Amino acid sequence: MRSAAEDAGFDPVSFSTLVATLREVQDAAAAAVPSGEVAGAVTADLRRVADALRDAAAAPTERRFGRLEEAGRGQTMCPPLHVRELDGDHLRASVRFGPFHGGFGEHAHGGAVALVLNEAMGMLANASPDVVRLAAYVHVDYRSAAVLGHTLALRADVAELTGRKQTVTAALLDGERTVAEGEGLFLGPPPAGT
């Protein structure tokens, strides 16, 4: 069965390219100190882009942002996770923070670090297509700064699965140095009739 988006000519390759370009724009804007003339010209261009995309808006169930089977899932909020291993118990990936996700100095913002840990734990919690699990809580302990531009290792592991509750742990590493550790509780749907 074709979706309304496919009937409208949706092309996943073109959309992926659009998302990758948007990531480039976000990093470029975060790193720039533009003149008034450059800022004005870019603002005008971005308004045209926003109008074109608004004209292509779809119902929430038809949207592709965050739902593609690729690094970053076709969204720009979280840096793309490059997954090497994902099964029901483990996730192994790498990630790189660019200027858009910067905080103080040359380091990633703490909220971006937490977002990456949440993304990894959520991917693992939902590795099985049989059940959708949503975060009940995510706890993050920061150990050291994440340097912008470094490729970091990311690992997540299922610590416990009891009924509809799944506890997942995660760690973000820069070589041997731990950047942050996290733990999340993810809940599946309640039993029928409750």
N, C-alpha and C. Protein backbone atom coordinates (compact mmCIF):
# COMPACT_ATOMS: atom_id res chain seq x y z
N MET A 1 0.84 -1.18 0.00
CA MET A 1 0.00 0.00 0.00
C MET A 1 0.89 1.25 0.00
N ARG A 2 0.65 2.16 -0.91
CA ARG A 2 1.42 3.40 -1.00
C ARG A 2 0.87 4.42 -0.02
N SER A 3 1.77 5.20 0.55
CA SER A 3 1.35 6.26 1.46
C SER A 3 1.06 7.52 0.67
N ALA A 4 0.40 8.47 1.32
CA ALA A 4 0.12 9.76 0.69
C ALA A 4 1.42 10.46 0.31
N ALA A 5 2.47 10.31 1.15
CA ALA A 5 3.75 10.93 0.86
C ALA A 5 4.36 10.36 -0.41
N GLU A 6 4.26 9.03 -0.60
CA GLU A 6 4.78 8.42 -1.82
C GLU A 6 3.98 8.87 -3.03
N ASP A 7 2.66 8.98 -2.88
CA ASP A 7 1.82 9.45 -3.97
C ASP A 7 2.16 10.89 -4.36
N ALA A 8 2.64 11.68 -3.40
CA ALA A 8 3.00 13.07 -3.65
C ALA A 8 4.41 13.17 -4.25
N GLY A 9 5.08 12.06 -4.47
CA GLY A 9 6.41 12.07 -5.07
C GLY A 9 7.55 12.08 -4.07
N PHE A 10 7.30 11.66 -2.84
CA PHE A 10 8.36 11.63 -1.83
C PHE A 10 9.51 10.75 -2.31
N ASP A 11 10.74 11.25 -2.16
CA ASP A 11 11.94 10.52 -2.54
C ASP A 11 12.85 10.45 -1.32
N PRO A 12 13.03 9.27 -0.71
CA PRO A 12 13.83 9.18 0.51
C PRO A 12 15.29 9.60 0.32
N VAL A 13 15.86 9.37 -0.85
CA VAL A 13 17.25 9.77 -1.08
C VAL A 13 17.36 11.29 -1.08
N SER A 14 16.45 11.96 -1.78
CA SER A 14 16.46 13.43 -1.80
C SER A 14 16.21 13.99 -0.40
N PHE A 15 15.31 13.36 0.35
CA PHE A 15 15.03 13.82 1.71
C PHE A 15 16.26 13.67 2.60
N SER A 16 16.97 12.54 2.47
CA SER A 16 18.19 12.33 3.25
C SER A 16 19.23 13.39 2.92
N THR A 17 19.34 13.75 1.65
CA THR A 17 20.27 14.81 1.24
C THR A 17 19.86 16.14 1.83
N LEU A 18 18.55 16.43 1.85
CA LEU A 18 18.05 17.66 2.46
C LEU A 18 18.42 17.72 3.93
N VAL A 19 18.23 16.62 4.65
CA VAL A 19 18.54 16.57 6.09
C VAL A 19 20.03 16.75 6.31
N ALA A 20 20.87 16.10 5.50
CA ALA A 20 22.32 16.25 5.65
C ALA A 20 22.74 17.71 5.39
N THR A 21 22.12 18.34 4.41
CA THR A 21 22.42 19.74 4.12
C THR A 21 21.96 20.64 5.26
N LEU A 22 20.80 20.34 5.85
CA LEU A 22 20.33 21.11 6.99
C LEU A 22 21.30 21.00 8.17
N ARG A 23 21.87 19.81 8.37
CA ARG A 23 22.89 19.65 9.42
C ARG A 23 24.09 20.55 9.14
N GLU A 24 24.50 20.62 7.85
CA GLU A 24 25.61 21.49 7.47
C GLU A 24 25.28 22.95 7.77
N VAL A 25 24.04 23.36 7.46
CA VAL A 25 23.61 24.74 7.72
C VAL A 25 23.64 25.02 9.23
N GLN A 26 23.16 24.08 10.03
CA GLN A 26 23.16 24.27 11.48
C GLN A 26 24.59 24.45 12.00
N ASP A 27 25.52 23.60 11.56
CA ASP A 27 26.91 23.72 12.00
C ASP A 27 27.53 25.03 11.50
N ALA A 28 27.25 25.39 10.24
CA ALA A 28 27.80 26.63 9.69
C ALA A 28 27.27 27.85 10.44
N ALA A 29 25.97 27.85 10.76
CA ALA A 29 25.39 28.98 11.50
C ALA A 29 25.98 29.07 12.90
N ALA A 30 26.21 27.92 13.53
CA ALA A 30 26.76 27.92 14.89
C ALA A 30 28.20 28.42 14.90
N ALA A 31 28.93 28.20 13.81
CA ALA A 31 30.34 28.59 13.76
C ALA A 31 30.55 29.99 13.19
N ALA A 32 29.50 30.59 12.62
CA ALA A 32 29.65 31.86 11.89
C ALA A 32 29.50 33.09 12.78
N VAL A 33 30.13 34.17 12.34
CA VAL A 33 29.92 35.51 12.89
C VAL A 33 29.66 36.39 11.65
N PRO A 34 28.43 36.30 11.09
CA PRO A 34 28.17 36.95 9.79
C PRO A 34 27.96 38.46 9.92
N SER A 35 28.27 39.15 8.83
CA SER A 35 27.96 40.57 8.75
C SER A 35 26.44 40.72 8.64
N GLY A 36 25.96 41.94 8.84
CA GLY A 36 24.53 42.19 8.68
C GLY A 36 24.04 41.85 7.29
N GLU A 37 24.86 42.15 6.29
CA GLU A 37 24.49 41.85 4.90
C GLU A 37 24.36 40.35 4.67
N VAL A 38 25.34 39.58 5.14
CA VAL A 38 25.29 38.12 4.98
C VAL A 38 24.11 37.55 5.77
N ALA A 39 23.92 38.00 7.01
CA ALA A 39 22.80 37.49 7.81
C ALA A 39 21.48 37.79 7.14
N GLY A 40 21.32 38.98 6.58
CA GLY A 40 20.08 39.33 5.90
C GLY A 40 19.83 38.47 4.67
N ALA A 41 20.87 38.24 3.86
CA ALA A 41 20.72 37.42 2.65
C ALA A 41 20.38 35.98 3.01
N VAL A 42 21.07 35.44 4.01
CA VAL A 42 20.81 34.06 4.42
C VAL A 42 19.40 33.94 5.01
N THR A 43 18.98 34.92 5.78
CA THR A 43 17.62 34.91 6.35
C THR A 43 16.58 34.87 5.25
N ALA A 44 16.77 35.68 4.21
CA ALA A 44 15.82 35.69 3.08
C ALA A 44 15.78 34.32 2.40
N ASP A 45 16.96 33.73 2.18
CA ASP A 45 17.01 32.39 1.57
C ASP A 45 16.31 31.36 2.45
N LEU A 46 16.57 31.42 3.76
CA LEU A 46 15.95 30.45 4.67
C LEU A 46 14.44 30.63 4.74
N ARG A 47 13.96 31.85 4.63
CA ARG A 47 12.50 32.06 4.60
C ARG A 47 11.89 31.40 3.36
N ARG A 48 12.56 31.51 2.22
CA ARG A 48 12.07 30.84 1.00
C ARG A 48 12.06 29.32 1.20
N VAL A 49 13.11 28.81 1.81
CA VAL A 49 13.18 27.37 2.08
C VAL A 49 12.05 26.95 3.02
N ALA A 50 11.84 27.71 4.09
CA ALA A 50 10.77 27.38 5.04
C ALA A 50 9.41 27.39 4.36
N ASP A 51 9.16 28.38 3.48
CA ASP A 51 7.89 28.43 2.76
C ASP A 51 7.70 27.21 1.87
N ALA A 52 8.75 26.81 1.16
CA ALA A 52 8.66 25.64 0.28
C ALA A 52 8.37 24.38 1.09
N LEU A 53 9.03 24.22 2.23
CA LEU A 53 8.80 23.03 3.06
C LEU A 53 7.43 23.06 3.72
N ARG A 54 6.98 24.25 4.11
CA ARG A 54 5.63 24.37 4.69
C ARG A 54 4.58 23.93 3.67
N ASP A 55 4.80 24.26 2.41
CA ASP A 55 3.87 23.86 1.35
C ASP A 55 3.84 22.35 1.15
N ALA A 56 4.87 21.65 1.60
CA ALA A 56 4.95 20.19 1.47
C ALA A 56 4.61 19.48 2.78
N ALA A 57 4.04 20.19 3.75
CA ALA A 57 3.72 19.60 5.06
C ALA A 57 2.78 18.41 4.91
N ALA A 58 2.95 17.45 5.80
CA ALA A 58 2.12 16.24 5.80
C ALA A 58 1.55 16.01 7.19
N ALA A 59 0.56 15.15 7.26
CA ALA A 59 -0.03 14.76 8.54
C ALA A 59 1.04 14.07 9.38
N PRO A 60 0.94 14.14 10.71
CA PRO A 60 1.97 13.52 11.56
C PRO A 60 2.27 12.07 11.23
N THR A 61 1.28 11.29 10.86
CA THR A 61 1.52 9.88 10.56
C THR A 61 2.25 9.68 9.23
N GLU A 62 2.31 10.71 8.39
CA GLU A 62 2.97 10.62 7.09
C GLU A 62 4.38 11.20 7.10
N ARG A 63 4.76 11.89 8.15
CA ARG A 63 6.06 12.57 8.18
C ARG A 63 7.20 11.57 8.24
N ARG A 64 8.33 11.96 7.62
CA ARG A 64 9.50 11.09 7.57
C ARG A 64 10.61 11.54 8.52
N PHE A 65 10.54 12.75 9.03
CA PHE A 65 11.56 13.30 9.92
C PHE A 65 11.67 12.42 11.15
N GLY A 66 12.86 11.85 11.38
CA GLY A 66 13.08 10.99 12.54
C GLY A 66 12.62 9.56 12.35
N ARG A 67 12.23 9.19 11.12
CA ARG A 67 11.68 7.85 10.91
C ARG A 67 12.38 7.06 9.81
N LEU A 68 13.50 7.55 9.34
CA LEU A 68 14.20 6.84 8.28
C LEU A 68 15.18 5.83 8.85
N GLU A 69 15.44 4.80 8.09
CA GLU A 69 16.38 3.75 8.50
C GLU A 69 17.78 4.15 8.05
N GLU A 70 18.38 5.11 8.75
CA GLU A 70 19.72 5.58 8.44
C GLU A 70 20.29 6.27 9.67
N ALA A 71 21.59 6.57 9.63
CA ALA A 71 22.21 7.28 10.74
C ALA A 71 21.50 8.61 10.93
N GLY A 72 21.06 8.87 12.14
CA GLY A 72 20.32 10.10 12.43
C GLY A 72 18.83 9.99 12.21
N ARG A 73 18.38 8.90 11.66
CA ARG A 73 16.96 8.64 11.42
C ARG A 73 16.27 9.73 10.59
N GLY A 74 17.04 10.54 9.87
CA GLY A 74 16.43 11.59 9.05
C GLY A 74 15.94 12.76 9.87
N GLN A 75 16.62 13.06 10.99
CA GLN A 75 16.28 14.23 11.80
C GLN A 75 17.56 14.97 12.14
N THR A 76 17.42 16.22 12.59
CA THR A 76 18.61 17.04 12.81
C THR A 76 18.80 17.46 14.27
N MET A 77 17.92 17.06 15.15
CA MET A 77 18.04 17.46 16.56
C MET A 77 19.25 16.81 17.20
N CYS A 78 19.42 15.51 16.99
CA CYS A 78 20.51 14.74 17.59
C CYS A 78 21.57 14.48 16.53
N PRO A 79 22.85 14.55 16.90
CA PRO A 79 23.87 14.16 15.92
C PRO A 79 23.64 12.71 15.50
N PRO A 80 23.92 12.38 14.25
CA PRO A 80 23.68 11.00 13.80
C PRO A 80 24.53 9.98 14.56
N LEU A 81 23.91 8.91 14.97
CA LEU A 81 24.62 7.79 15.57
C LEU A 81 24.95 6.81 14.45
N HIS A 82 26.22 6.47 14.31
CA HIS A 82 26.64 5.51 13.29
C HIS A 82 26.74 4.15 13.96
N VAL A 83 25.67 3.38 13.83
CA VAL A 83 25.51 2.12 14.55
C VAL A 83 26.29 1.00 13.85
N ARG A 84 27.15 0.33 14.62
CA ARG A 84 27.90 -0.82 14.12
C ARG A 84 27.24 -2.13 14.54
N GLU A 85 26.58 -2.10 15.70
CA GLU A 85 25.97 -3.32 16.24
C GLU A 85 24.70 -2.93 16.97
N LEU A 86 23.63 -3.63 16.67
CA LEU A 86 22.36 -3.43 17.39
C LEU A 86 21.62 -4.75 17.38
N ASP A 87 21.47 -5.30 18.58
CA ASP A 87 20.64 -6.51 18.73
C ASP A 87 19.73 -6.26 19.92
N GLY A 88 19.10 -7.25 20.44
CA GLY A 88 18.17 -7.06 21.54
C GLY A 88 18.82 -6.69 22.87
N ASP A 89 20.14 -6.86 22.97
CA ASP A 89 20.82 -6.63 24.25
C ASP A 89 21.90 -5.55 24.22
N HIS A 90 22.42 -5.21 23.04
CA HIS A 90 23.57 -4.31 22.96
C HIS A 90 23.44 -3.36 21.77
N LEU A 91 24.00 -2.17 21.93
CA LEU A 91 24.16 -1.22 20.84
C LEU A 91 25.59 -0.71 20.91
N ARG A 92 26.27 -0.69 19.76
CA ARG A 92 27.62 -0.13 19.66
C ARG A 92 27.59 0.85 18.49
N ALA A 93 28.04 2.07 18.74
CA ALA A 93 27.96 3.10 17.71
C ALA A 93 29.06 4.13 17.93
N SER A 94 29.12 5.08 17.01
CA SER A 94 30.00 6.24 17.17
C SER A 94 29.19 7.48 16.86
N VAL A 95 29.68 8.62 17.37
CA VAL A 95 28.98 9.89 17.18
C VAL A 95 30.02 11.00 17.22
N ARG A 96 29.73 12.10 16.52
CA ARG A 96 30.61 13.27 16.53
C ARG A 96 29.74 14.51 16.72
N PHE A 97 30.10 15.33 17.69
CA PHE A 97 29.40 16.59 17.91
C PHE A 97 30.05 17.68 17.08
N GLY A 98 29.24 18.41 16.32
CA GLY A 98 29.72 19.55 15.55
C GLY A 98 29.38 20.85 16.26
N PRO A 99 29.69 21.99 15.63
CA PRO A 99 29.45 23.29 16.26
C PRO A 99 28.00 23.52 16.70
N PHE A 100 27.04 22.99 15.96
CA PHE A 100 25.62 23.20 16.31
C PHE A 100 25.30 22.67 17.71
N HIS A 101 26.00 21.63 18.13
CA HIS A 101 25.74 21.02 19.43
C HIS A 101 26.72 21.51 20.50
N GLY A 102 27.40 22.63 20.21
CA GLY A 102 28.40 23.17 21.11
C GLY A 102 27.81 23.83 22.34
N GLY A 103 28.57 23.77 23.40
CA GLY A 103 28.24 24.44 24.64
C GLY A 103 29.31 25.45 24.94
N PHE A 104 30.01 25.28 26.04
CA PHE A 104 31.07 26.20 26.45
C PHE A 104 32.37 25.85 25.74
N GLY A 105 33.02 26.85 25.16
CA GLY A 105 34.30 26.62 24.50
C GLY A 105 34.18 25.65 23.35
N GLU A 106 35.09 24.71 23.31
CA GLU A 106 35.14 23.72 22.23
C GLU A 106 34.51 22.39 22.66
N HIS A 107 33.50 22.47 23.50
CA HIS A 107 32.89 21.26 24.05
C HIS A 107 31.41 21.18 23.71
N ALA A 108 30.90 19.97 23.65
CA ALA A 108 29.47 19.76 23.39
C ALA A 108 28.65 20.24 24.58
N HIS A 109 27.47 20.73 24.29
CA HIS A 109 26.52 21.14 25.33
C HIS A 109 26.08 19.89 26.11
N GLY A 110 25.93 20.02 27.41
CA GLY A 110 25.52 18.88 28.23
C GLY A 110 24.18 18.31 27.81
N GLY A 111 23.27 19.16 27.36
CA GLY A 111 21.97 18.67 26.88
C GLY A 111 22.11 17.82 25.63
N ALA A 112 23.08 18.17 24.76
CA ALA A 112 23.32 17.36 23.56
C ALA A 112 23.91 16.00 23.94
N VAL A 113 24.78 15.99 24.95
CA VAL A 113 25.34 14.72 25.44
C VAL A 113 24.21 13.84 25.98
N ALA A 114 23.32 14.41 26.78
CA ALA A 114 22.18 13.65 27.32
C ALA A 114 21.28 13.16 26.19
N LEU A 115 21.08 14.00 25.18
CA LEU A 115 20.25 13.61 24.03
C LEU A 115 20.83 12.39 23.32
N VAL A 116 22.15 12.37 23.12
CA VAL A 116 22.79 11.23 22.46
C VAL A 116 22.63 9.96 23.29
N LEU A 117 22.82 10.05 24.61
CA LEU A 117 22.63 8.87 25.46
C LEU A 117 21.18 8.39 25.41
N ASN A 118 20.23 9.32 25.45
CA ASN A 118 18.82 8.96 25.38
C ASN A 118 18.50 8.31 24.03
N GLU A 119 19.04 8.86 22.95
CA GLU A 119 18.82 8.29 21.61
C GLU A 119 19.32 6.86 21.54
N ALA A 120 20.54 6.62 22.05
CA ALA A 120 21.11 5.27 22.02
C ALA A 120 20.30 4.30 22.87
N MET A 121 19.95 4.72 24.08
CA MET A 121 19.18 3.83 24.95
C MET A 121 17.79 3.56 24.36
N GLY A 122 17.18 4.59 23.78
CA GLY A 122 15.87 4.40 23.16
C GLY A 122 15.92 3.49 21.95
N MET A 123 16.98 3.62 21.14
CA MET A 123 17.14 2.71 19.99
C MET A 123 17.23 1.27 20.46
N LEU A 124 18.02 1.05 21.52
CA LEU A 124 18.17 -0.31 22.04
C LEU A 124 16.86 -0.81 22.64
N ALA A 125 16.19 0.03 23.42
CA ALA A 125 14.93 -0.38 24.05
C ALA A 125 13.88 -0.74 23.01
N ASN A 126 14.01 -0.17 21.82
CA ASN A 126 13.04 -0.42 20.75
C ASN A 126 13.63 -1.25 19.62
N ALA A 127 14.69 -2.02 19.90
CA ALA A 127 15.32 -2.85 18.87
C ALA A 127 14.39 -3.94 18.37
N SER A 128 13.50 -4.39 19.22
CA SER A 128 12.52 -5.40 18.81
C SER A 128 11.30 -4.71 18.22
N PRO A 129 10.89 -5.09 17.01
CA PRO A 129 9.72 -4.45 16.41
C PRO A 129 8.40 -4.87 17.06
N ASP A 130 8.47 -5.80 18.01
CA ASP A 130 7.25 -6.33 18.63
C ASP A 130 6.62 -5.40 19.65
N VAL A 131 7.42 -4.48 20.22
CA VAL A 131 6.89 -3.63 21.28
C VAL A 131 7.53 -2.25 21.20
N VAL A 132 6.73 -1.23 21.46
CA VAL A 132 7.24 0.14 21.53
C VAL A 132 7.42 0.49 23.00
N ARG A 133 8.64 0.93 23.33
CA ARG A 133 8.93 1.33 24.71
C ARG A 133 9.26 2.82 24.73
N LEU A 134 8.68 3.52 25.70
CA LEU A 134 8.92 4.95 25.87
C LEU A 134 9.68 5.20 27.16
N ALA A 135 10.49 6.24 27.17
CA ALA A 135 11.30 6.56 28.35
C ALA A 135 10.42 7.01 29.50
N ALA A 136 10.60 6.39 30.65
CA ALA A 136 9.96 6.83 31.89
C ALA A 136 10.90 7.79 32.61
N TYR A 137 12.19 7.50 32.56
CA TYR A 137 13.20 8.43 33.06
C TYR A 137 14.52 8.13 32.38
N VAL A 138 15.36 9.15 32.30
CA VAL A 138 16.74 9.01 31.84
C VAL A 138 17.60 9.80 32.81
N HIS A 139 18.62 9.15 33.36
CA HIS A 139 19.54 9.79 34.29
C HIS A 139 20.91 9.82 33.64
N VAL A 140 21.59 10.97 33.71
CA VAL A 140 22.92 11.11 33.11
C VAL A 140 23.91 11.60 34.17
N ASP A 141 25.06 10.95 34.20
CA ASP A 141 26.19 11.39 35.02
C ASP A 141 27.28 11.84 34.06
N TYR A 142 27.69 13.11 34.20
CA TYR A 142 28.75 13.65 33.36
C TYR A 142 30.09 13.40 34.04
N ARG A 143 31.05 12.89 33.28
CA ARG A 143 32.37 12.55 33.82
C ARG A 143 33.47 13.48 33.30
N SER A 144 33.37 13.89 32.03
CA SER A 144 34.34 14.80 31.43
C SER A 144 33.70 15.44 30.21
N ALA A 145 34.36 16.44 29.66
CA ALA A 145 33.79 17.18 28.53
C ALA A 145 33.91 16.40 27.23
N ALA A 146 32.89 16.54 26.38
CA ALA A 146 32.92 15.97 25.03
C ALA A 146 33.47 17.04 24.10
N VAL A 147 34.62 16.77 23.50
CA VAL A 147 35.28 17.74 22.64
C VAL A 147 34.61 17.74 21.26
N LEU A 148 34.26 18.93 20.77
CA LEU A 148 33.65 19.04 19.45
C LEU A 148 34.61 18.49 18.40
N GLY A 149 34.05 17.76 17.44
CA GLY A 149 34.84 17.23 16.34
C GLY A 149 35.49 15.88 16.59
N HIS A 150 35.54 15.43 17.85
CA HIS A 150 36.09 14.10 18.14
C HIS A 150 35.05 13.04 17.82
N THR A 151 35.50 11.91 17.29
CA THR A 151 34.61 10.77 17.11
C THR A 151 34.60 9.99 18.41
N LEU A 152 33.42 9.89 19.01
CA LEU A 152 33.26 9.24 20.31
C LEU A 152 32.61 7.88 20.14
N ALA A 153 32.98 6.95 21.00
CA ALA A 153 32.36 5.64 21.03
C ALA A 153 31.13 5.69 21.94
N LEU A 154 30.14 4.95 21.57
CA LEU A 154 28.88 4.92 22.30
C LEU A 154 28.46 3.47 22.47
N ARG A 155 28.13 3.12 23.69
CA ARG A 155 27.65 1.75 23.93
C ARG A 155 26.43 1.81 24.83
N ALA A 156 25.51 0.93 24.58
CA ALA A 156 24.31 0.79 25.42
C ALA A 156 24.05 -0.70 25.60
N ASP A 157 23.57 -1.04 26.79
CA ASP A 157 23.32 -2.44 27.13
C ASP A 157 22.03 -2.55 27.93
N VAL A 158 21.28 -3.61 27.68
CA VAL A 158 20.11 -3.89 28.50
C VAL A 158 20.61 -4.42 29.83
N ALA A 159 20.23 -3.74 30.91
CA ALA A 159 20.65 -4.17 32.25
C ALA A 159 19.61 -5.09 32.87
N GLU A 160 18.34 -4.85 32.55
CA GLU A 160 17.27 -5.64 33.17
C GLU A 160 16.00 -5.53 32.33
N LEU A 161 15.27 -6.62 32.24
CA LEU A 161 13.97 -6.64 31.59
C LEU A 161 13.02 -7.41 32.48
N THR A 162 12.04 -6.70 33.04
CA THR A 162 11.05 -7.30 33.92
C THR A 162 9.67 -6.85 33.47
N GLY A 163 8.90 -7.80 32.94
CA GLY A 163 7.57 -7.43 32.45
C GLY A 163 7.68 -6.38 31.36
N ARG A 164 6.98 -5.28 31.55
CA ARG A 164 7.02 -4.22 30.55
C ARG A 164 8.12 -3.20 30.79
N LYS A 165 8.90 -3.37 31.87
CA LYS A 165 9.96 -2.43 32.24
C LYS A 165 11.32 -2.94 31.76
N GLN A 166 12.02 -2.06 31.04
CA GLN A 166 13.36 -2.38 30.58
C GLN A 166 14.32 -1.28 31.05
N THR A 167 15.38 -1.68 31.75
CA THR A 167 16.40 -0.74 32.17
C THR A 167 17.59 -0.88 31.23
N VAL A 168 18.05 0.26 30.72
CA VAL A 168 19.16 0.29 29.78
C VAL A 168 20.23 1.22 30.33
N THR A 169 21.50 0.81 30.20
CA THR A 169 22.61 1.67 30.59
C THR A 169 23.37 2.07 29.32
N ALA A 170 24.08 3.20 29.40
CA ALA A 170 24.84 3.67 28.25
C ALA A 170 26.08 4.41 28.72
N ALA A 171 27.07 4.45 27.85
CA ALA A 171 28.30 5.20 28.12
C ALA A 171 28.79 5.83 26.83
N LEU A 172 29.31 7.06 26.95
CA LEU A 172 29.91 7.79 25.85
C LEU A 172 31.38 7.95 26.17
N LEU A 173 32.26 7.51 25.26
CA LEU A 173 33.70 7.45 25.53
C LEU A 173 34.51 8.18 24.46
N ASP A 174 35.54 8.86 24.91
CA ASP A 174 36.52 9.47 24.02
C ASP A 174 37.82 8.73 24.28
N GLY A 175 38.08 7.70 23.49
CA GLY A 175 39.20 6.80 23.77
C GLY A 175 38.91 6.05 25.05
N GLU A 176 39.84 6.13 25.98
CA GLU A 176 39.66 5.47 27.28
C GLU A 176 38.92 6.35 28.28
N ARG A 177 38.71 7.61 27.94
CA ARG A 177 38.10 8.58 28.85
C ARG A 177 36.57 8.53 28.74
N THR A 178 35.91 8.35 29.89
CA THR A 178 34.45 8.35 29.92
C THR A 178 33.95 9.80 29.92
N VAL A 179 33.11 10.12 28.97
CA VAL A 179 32.50 11.45 28.87
C VAL A 179 31.25 11.50 29.73
N ALA A 180 30.39 10.49 29.59
CA ALA A 180 29.15 10.46 30.36
C ALA A 180 28.62 9.04 30.41
N GLU A 181 27.84 8.78 31.46
CA GLU A 181 27.17 7.50 31.61
C GLU A 181 25.69 7.78 31.87
N GLY A 182 24.86 6.88 31.42
CA GLY A 182 23.43 7.08 31.62
C GLY A 182 22.71 5.80 31.95
N GLU A 183 21.53 5.98 32.51
CA GLU A 183 20.63 4.87 32.78
C GLU A 183 19.23 5.34 32.45
N GLY A 184 18.46 4.49 31.81
CA GLY A 184 17.09 4.84 31.48
C GLY A 184 16.14 3.69 31.76
N LEU A 185 14.95 4.05 32.14
CA LEU A 185 13.87 3.08 32.30
C LEU A 185 12.90 3.30 31.17
N PHE A 186 12.63 2.25 30.40
CA PHE A 186 11.73 2.32 29.25
C PHE A 186 10.57 1.38 29.49
N LEU A 187 9.36 1.88 29.25
CA LEU A 187 8.16 1.11 29.51
C LEU A 187 7.45 0.71 28.22
N GLY A 188 7.09 -0.58 28.17
CA GLY A 188 6.25 -1.06 27.11
C GLY A 188 4.80 -0.77 27.45
N PRO A 189 3.88 -1.12 26.56
CA PRO A 189 2.46 -0.86 26.83
C PRO A 189 1.96 -1.68 28.03
N PRO A 190 0.98 -1.13 28.76
CA PRO A 190 0.43 -1.91 29.86
C PRO A 190 -0.32 -3.13 29.33
N PRO A 191 -0.44 -4.14 30.15
CA PRO A 191 -1.19 -5.33 29.73
C PRO A 191 -2.61 -4.95 29.30
N ALA A 192 -3.14 -5.68 28.36
CA ALA A 192 -4.50 -5.42 27.87
C ALA A 192 -5.49 -5.49 29.02
N GLY A 193 -6.45 -4.59 29.01
CA GLY A 193 -7.49 -4.58 30.02
C GLY A 193 -7.15 -3.81 31.27
N THR A 194 -5.99 -3.13 31.27
CA THR A 194 -5.62 -2.34 32.48
C THR A 194 -5.69 -0.87 32.19
